[in-house]
N, C-alpha and C. Protein backbone atom coordinates (compact mmCIF):
# COMPACT_ATOMS: atom_id res chain seq x y z
N MET A 1 0.34 -14.49 8.93
CA MET A 1 0.76 -14.01 7.38
C MET A 1 1.24 -12.62 8.22
N GLN A 2 2.74 -12.46 7.42
CA GLN A 2 3.32 -11.06 8.36
C GLN A 2 3.03 -10.02 6.97
N PRO A 3 2.14 -8.80 7.30
CA PRO A 3 2.29 -7.74 6.08
C PRO A 3 3.34 -7.30 5.56
N LYS A 4 2.98 -7.11 4.15
CA LYS A 4 4.19 -6.45 3.39
C LYS A 4 4.47 -4.91 4.05
N PRO A 5 5.90 -4.35 4.21
CA PRO A 5 5.64 -3.42 4.70
C PRO A 5 6.47 -2.62 3.77
N PHE A 6 5.20 -1.84 2.57
CA PHE A 6 5.61 -0.95 2.02
C PHE A 6 4.17 -0.11 1.90
N PHE A 7 3.20 -0.21 3.23
CA PHE A 7 2.36 1.05 3.04
C PHE A 7 2.21 1.53 4.20
N ASP A 8 1.17 2.39 4.02
CA ASP A 8 1.01 3.10 5.28
C ASP A 8 -0.44 2.41 5.80
N PRO A 9 -0.63 2.18 6.86
CA PRO A 9 -1.79 1.39 7.47
C PRO A 9 -2.80 2.58 8.15
N PHE A 10 -2.35 3.71 8.31
CA PHE A 10 -2.91 4.39 9.28
C PHE A 10 -3.68 5.56 8.44
N ASP A 11 -3.11 5.82 7.27
CA ASP A 11 -3.49 7.17 6.24
C ASP A 11 -4.86 6.80 5.52
N ASP A 12 -5.74 7.59 6.36
CA ASP A 12 -7.11 7.59 5.22
C ASP A 12 -7.80 8.50 4.33
N ARG A 13 -6.40 8.82 4.03
CA ARG A 13 -6.52 10.14 2.83
C ARG A 13 -6.13 9.59 1.69
N GLY A 14 -4.97 8.31 1.74
CA GLY A 14 -4.30 7.76 0.58
C GLY A 14 -3.16 7.46 0.81
N GLN A 15 -2.16 7.26 0.35
CA GLN A 15 -0.62 6.92 0.45
C GLN A 15 0.39 8.07 0.07
N PHE A 16 1.15 8.54 1.60
CA PHE A 16 2.26 9.29 1.33
C PHE A 16 1.92 10.56 0.89
N CYS A 17 2.11 10.83 -0.26
CA CYS A 17 2.18 12.42 -1.00
C CYS A 17 0.58 12.12 -2.09
N ASP A 18 0.44 11.18 -2.12
CA ASP A 18 -0.70 10.76 -3.10
C ASP A 18 -1.62 10.73 -2.46
N LYS A 19 -3.08 11.69 -2.60
CA LYS A 19 -3.90 11.69 -1.67
C LYS A 19 -5.26 11.62 -2.94
N GLY A 20 -6.48 11.12 -1.92
CA GLY A 20 -7.66 11.43 -2.83
C GLY A 20 -8.06 9.77 -3.06
N PRO A 21 -9.29 9.22 -3.46
CA PRO A 21 -10.45 8.15 -3.75
C PRO A 21 -9.26 7.37 -4.39
N SER A 22 -8.49 7.69 -5.62
CA SER A 22 -7.63 6.90 -6.44
C SER A 22 -6.81 6.23 -5.88
N TYR A 23 -5.97 6.65 -4.42
CA TYR A 23 -4.79 6.41 -3.63
C TYR A 23 -5.08 5.58 -2.49
N LEU A 24 -6.37 5.34 -1.81
CA LEU A 24 -6.81 5.00 -0.97
C LEU A 24 -6.48 3.39 -0.87
N SER A 25 -5.98 2.97 0.11
CA SER A 25 -5.76 1.42 -0.05
C SER A 25 -6.67 0.60 0.73
N ALA A 26 -6.26 -0.39 0.39
CA ALA A 26 -7.57 -1.68 0.67
C ALA A 26 -6.69 -3.32 0.41
N ILE A 27 -7.57 -3.81 1.09
CA ILE A 27 -7.74 -5.59 0.96
C ILE A 27 -8.58 -5.84 -0.19
N PHE A 28 -8.30 -6.38 -1.04
CA PHE A 28 -9.73 -7.04 -2.16
C PHE A 28 -9.68 -8.50 -1.77
N VAL A 29 -10.42 -9.51 -1.84
CA VAL A 29 -10.90 -10.65 -1.10
C VAL A 29 -11.64 -11.03 -2.10
N ALA A 30 -11.36 -12.25 -2.56
CA ALA A 30 -12.17 -13.32 -3.66
C ALA A 30 -13.17 -14.03 -3.02
N ASN A 31 -12.73 -14.56 -1.96
CA ASN A 31 -13.29 -15.54 -1.09
C ASN A 31 -12.92 -15.65 0.24
N ASP A 32 -13.64 -16.74 1.20
CA ASP A 32 -13.80 -16.91 2.30
C ASP A 32 -12.22 -16.89 3.22
N LYS A 33 -11.54 -18.10 2.02
CA LYS A 33 -9.76 -18.24 2.39
C LYS A 33 -9.48 -16.79 2.24
N GLU A 34 -9.36 -15.87 1.48
CA GLU A 34 -8.94 -14.68 1.27
C GLU A 34 -9.23 -14.00 2.49
N ARG A 35 -10.44 -14.26 2.87
CA ARG A 35 -10.88 -12.86 3.75
C ARG A 35 -10.35 -13.10 5.25
N ALA A 36 -10.46 -14.45 5.55
CA ALA A 36 -9.96 -14.97 6.67
C ALA A 36 -8.23 -14.65 6.92
N ILE A 37 -7.42 -15.16 5.92
CA ILE A 37 -5.80 -14.45 5.47
C ILE A 37 -6.22 -13.21 5.89
N ALA A 38 -6.73 -12.16 5.79
CA ALA A 38 -6.80 -10.87 5.19
C ALA A 38 -7.06 -10.27 6.64
N GLU A 39 -8.19 -11.37 7.35
CA GLU A 39 -8.66 -10.26 8.54
C GLU A 39 -7.46 -10.83 10.06
N LYS A 40 -7.00 -12.00 9.31
CA LYS A 40 -5.72 -12.16 10.44
C LYS A 40 -4.54 -11.37 10.28
N THR A 41 -4.32 -11.16 9.25
CA THR A 41 -2.96 -10.01 8.64
C THR A 41 -3.37 -8.75 9.19
N LYS A 42 -4.85 -8.04 8.95
CA LYS A 42 -4.93 -6.92 9.36
C LYS A 42 -5.04 -6.86 11.48
N ALA A 43 -5.46 -7.95 11.82
CA ALA A 43 -5.24 -8.29 12.68
C ALA A 43 -3.88 -7.97 14.12
N ASP A 44 -3.46 -8.70 12.88
CA ASP A 44 -1.59 -8.52 13.25
C ASP A 44 -1.32 -7.28 13.46
N VAL A 45 -1.51 -6.36 12.38
CA VAL A 45 -1.54 -5.16 12.48
C VAL A 45 -1.89 -4.27 13.33
N ILE A 46 -2.70 -4.55 14.01
CA ILE A 46 -3.74 -4.15 14.89
C ILE A 46 -2.99 -3.98 16.16
N THR A 47 -2.45 -5.58 16.37
CA THR A 47 -2.00 -5.54 17.47
C THR A 47 -0.59 -5.10 17.84
N GLN A 48 -0.06 -5.12 16.69
CA GLN A 48 1.60 -4.44 16.82
C GLN A 48 1.64 -3.20 16.76
N PHE A 49 0.45 -2.62 17.02
CA PHE A 49 0.34 -0.90 16.75
C PHE A 49 -0.80 -0.82 17.55
N PRO A 50 -0.93 -0.84 18.81
CA PRO A 50 -1.95 -0.52 19.77
C PRO A 50 -2.47 0.49 19.91
N ASN A 51 -1.78 1.55 19.72
CA ASN A 51 -1.94 2.69 20.11
C ASN A 51 -2.48 3.68 18.82
N LYS A 52 -2.61 3.10 17.17
CA LYS A 52 -3.21 3.56 16.00
C LYS A 52 -4.39 2.85 15.55
N ASP A 53 -5.27 3.60 14.63
CA ASP A 53 -6.00 3.12 13.83
C ASP A 53 -5.85 2.44 13.22
N VAL A 54 -5.70 1.37 12.18
CA VAL A 54 -5.45 0.76 11.16
C VAL A 54 -6.91 1.10 10.29
N VAL A 55 -6.75 1.60 9.52
CA VAL A 55 -7.89 2.20 8.51
C VAL A 55 -8.09 1.51 6.76
N ILE A 56 -7.29 0.74 6.76
CA ILE A 56 -7.34 0.08 5.57
C ILE A 56 -8.50 -0.93 5.72
N PRO A 57 -9.41 -1.03 4.60
CA PRO A 57 -10.84 -2.02 5.11
C PRO A 57 -10.37 -3.11 4.06
N ILE A 58 -11.23 -4.61 4.60
CA ILE A 58 -11.30 -5.64 3.79
C ILE A 58 -12.48 -5.45 2.89
N LEU A 59 -12.15 -5.69 1.68
CA LEU A 59 -13.47 -5.60 0.43
C LEU A 59 -13.67 -6.73 -0.04
N ASP A 60 -14.57 -6.70 -0.70
CA ASP A 60 -15.19 -8.20 -1.53
C ASP A 60 -14.50 -7.79 -2.50
N ALA A 61 -13.87 -8.36 -3.70
CA ALA A 61 -13.12 -8.17 -4.89
C ALA A 61 -14.96 -7.92 -5.95
N SER A 62 -14.50 -7.38 -7.09
CA SER A 62 -15.15 -6.63 -8.02
C SER A 62 -14.74 -6.71 -9.31
N THR A 63 -15.18 -6.23 -10.21
CA THR A 63 -14.79 -6.26 -11.21
C THR A 63 -13.66 -5.54 -11.56
N PHE A 64 -12.59 -6.04 -12.17
CA PHE A 64 -11.42 -5.09 -12.49
C PHE A 64 -11.41 -4.50 -13.89
N TYR A 65 -10.91 -3.59 -13.65
CA TYR A 65 -10.89 -2.72 -15.45
C TYR A 65 -9.39 -2.69 -15.44
N PRO A 66 -8.75 -3.17 -16.29
CA PRO A 66 -7.10 -2.36 -16.90
C PRO A 66 -7.25 -1.03 -16.85
N ILE A 67 -5.81 -0.67 -17.12
CA ILE A 67 -5.38 0.76 -17.65
C ILE A 67 -5.71 0.85 -18.99
N LYS A 68 -6.14 1.75 -19.36
CA LYS A 68 -6.12 2.24 -20.79
C LYS A 68 -6.09 3.74 -21.09
N GLY A 69 -5.32 3.50 -22.52
CA GLY A 69 -5.06 4.90 -22.80
C GLY A 69 -3.88 5.58 -22.11
N ASP A 70 -4.22 6.89 -22.25
CA ASP A 70 -2.56 7.80 -21.67
C ASP A 70 -2.41 7.21 -20.03
N GLU A 71 -3.25 6.39 -19.82
CA GLU A 71 -2.92 6.00 -18.08
C GLU A 71 -1.78 5.13 -18.03
N ILE A 72 -1.96 4.42 -19.17
CA ILE A 72 -1.11 3.21 -19.03
C ILE A 72 0.64 3.32 -18.40
N GLY A 73 0.99 4.93 -18.79
CA GLY A 73 2.12 5.27 -18.92
C GLY A 73 2.55 5.05 -17.11
N HIS A 74 1.52 5.16 -16.34
CA HIS A 74 2.10 4.85 -14.55
C HIS A 74 1.89 3.55 -14.71
N GLN A 75 1.89 2.54 -15.39
CA GLN A 75 1.87 0.83 -14.77
C GLN A 75 3.29 0.59 -15.13
N ASP A 76 3.70 0.21 -13.94
CA ASP A 76 5.28 -0.18 -13.77
C ASP A 76 6.18 1.06 -13.96
N PHE A 77 5.51 2.06 -13.40
CA PHE A 77 6.66 3.54 -13.15
C PHE A 77 7.72 3.01 -12.83
N TYR A 78 7.80 2.32 -12.06
CA TYR A 78 8.94 2.14 -11.56
C TYR A 78 10.42 1.35 -12.40
N LYS A 79 9.89 0.89 -13.00
CA LYS A 79 10.40 0.41 -14.32
C LYS A 79 11.08 0.71 -15.46
N LYS A 80 9.87 1.92 -15.56
CA LYS A 80 10.03 2.18 -17.30
C LYS A 80 11.08 3.49 -16.90
N SER A 81 10.84 4.13 -15.54
CA SER A 81 11.47 5.49 -15.25
C SER A 81 12.12 5.46 -14.14
N PRO A 82 13.37 4.76 -13.49
CA PRO A 82 14.01 4.01 -12.24
C PRO A 82 14.08 5.34 -11.78
N VAL A 83 14.84 6.23 -12.54
CA VAL A 83 15.53 7.74 -11.79
C VAL A 83 14.55 8.68 -11.31
N ARG A 84 13.40 8.47 -11.99
CA ARG A 84 12.69 9.82 -11.55
C ARG A 84 11.30 8.62 -10.57
N TYR A 85 11.70 7.41 -10.29
CA TYR A 85 10.76 6.98 -9.58
C TYR A 85 11.03 6.88 -8.29
N LYS A 86 12.42 6.97 -8.01
CA LYS A 86 13.89 7.22 -6.56
C LYS A 86 13.11 8.79 -6.55
N PHE A 87 13.51 9.56 -7.19
CA PHE A 87 13.32 10.86 -6.97
C PHE A 87 11.93 11.22 -6.23
N TYR A 88 10.77 10.61 -6.79
CA TYR A 88 9.46 10.78 -6.27
C TYR A 88 9.10 10.10 -4.79
N ARG A 89 9.94 8.73 -4.94
CA ARG A 89 9.95 8.41 -3.41
C ARG A 89 10.68 9.00 -2.72
N TRP A 90 11.42 9.65 -3.03
CA TRP A 90 12.29 10.21 -1.83
C TRP A 90 11.39 11.81 -1.69
N ASN A 91 11.19 12.55 -2.52
CA ASN A 91 10.61 13.36 -2.29
C ASN A 91 9.46 13.59 -1.71
N CYS A 92 8.23 12.44 -1.86
CA CYS A 92 7.00 12.35 -1.44
C CYS A 92 7.19 11.70 0.09
N GLY A 93 8.22 11.65 0.45
CA GLY A 93 8.00 10.79 1.66
C GLY A 93 8.10 9.50 2.20
N ARG A 94 7.94 9.12 1.02
CA ARG A 94 7.72 7.32 1.13
C ARG A 94 8.56 6.39 1.54
N ASP A 95 10.02 6.54 1.69
CA ASP A 95 10.74 5.59 1.98
C ASP A 95 10.99 6.09 3.62
N GLN A 96 11.04 7.53 3.87
CA GLN A 96 11.02 7.78 4.96
C GLN A 96 9.85 7.31 6.06
N ARG A 97 8.59 7.49 5.69
CA ARG A 97 7.58 6.69 6.57
C ARG A 97 7.47 5.53 6.49
N LEU A 98 8.07 5.02 5.61
CA LEU A 98 7.87 3.32 6.01
C LEU A 98 8.92 3.30 6.84
N LYS A 99 10.07 3.62 7.13
CA LYS A 99 11.00 3.50 7.75
C LYS A 99 10.71 3.71 8.82
N GLU A 100 9.44 4.50 9.11
CA GLU A 100 9.27 5.49 10.33
C GLU A 100 8.55 4.22 10.96
N ILE A 101 7.62 3.84 9.92
CA ILE A 101 6.09 2.56 10.87
C ILE A 101 6.68 1.30 11.10
N TRP A 102 7.90 0.72 9.76
CA TRP A 102 8.26 -0.65 9.53
C TRP A 102 9.48 -0.90 10.24
N GLY A 103 10.05 0.18 10.48
CA GLY A 103 11.64 -0.17 10.91
C GLY A 103 12.42 -0.55 9.91
N ASP A 104 13.43 -1.36 10.20
CA ASP A 104 14.61 -2.31 9.48
C ASP A 104 13.40 -3.11 8.27
N LYS A 105 12.50 -3.83 8.95
CA LYS A 105 11.58 -4.75 7.76
C LYS A 105 11.06 -3.70 6.54
N ALA A 106 11.26 -1.73 6.58
CA ALA A 106 10.83 -1.13 5.53
C ALA A 106 11.19 -2.00 4.20
N MET A 107 10.09 -2.16 3.44
CA MET A 107 10.76 -2.13 1.67
C MET A 107 11.59 -1.20 1.38
N GLY A 108 13.24 -1.14 1.58
CA GLY A 108 13.84 -0.31 0.50
C GLY A 108 13.76 0.44 -0.63
N LYS A 109 13.36 -0.79 -1.83
CA LYS A 109 13.37 -0.81 -2.99
C LYS A 109 13.10 -1.76 -3.65
N ILE A 110 12.14 -1.40 -4.68
CA ILE A 110 11.25 -1.98 -5.52
C ILE A 110 12.57 -3.56 -6.03
N LYS A 111 11.84 -4.87 -6.21
CA LYS A 111 13.00 -5.45 -6.59
C LYS A 111 12.05 -5.99 -8.02
């Protein structure tokens, strides 16, 4: 399975300009089949970048708590405020970093 080129697998403090525990990446798995796929995908990334530390953990899925209250405004922000989201992406360095890591496979825009 090819990893989706819209994340930084080497950042152990968050993603792009968003740092802290709320922004850490992880692969959540619900069963052994998903774990095998996740481990294979992570191994493929490690092989692709042999001189880098891939820091994304594979974790067992647990209770999911949907967003509530004021935080719901962050859900689908790219759809609700496309101009502001593009501004954020560029100023945050997201697109530039993805291109640096993944090259032409980098996800240029969300569909």
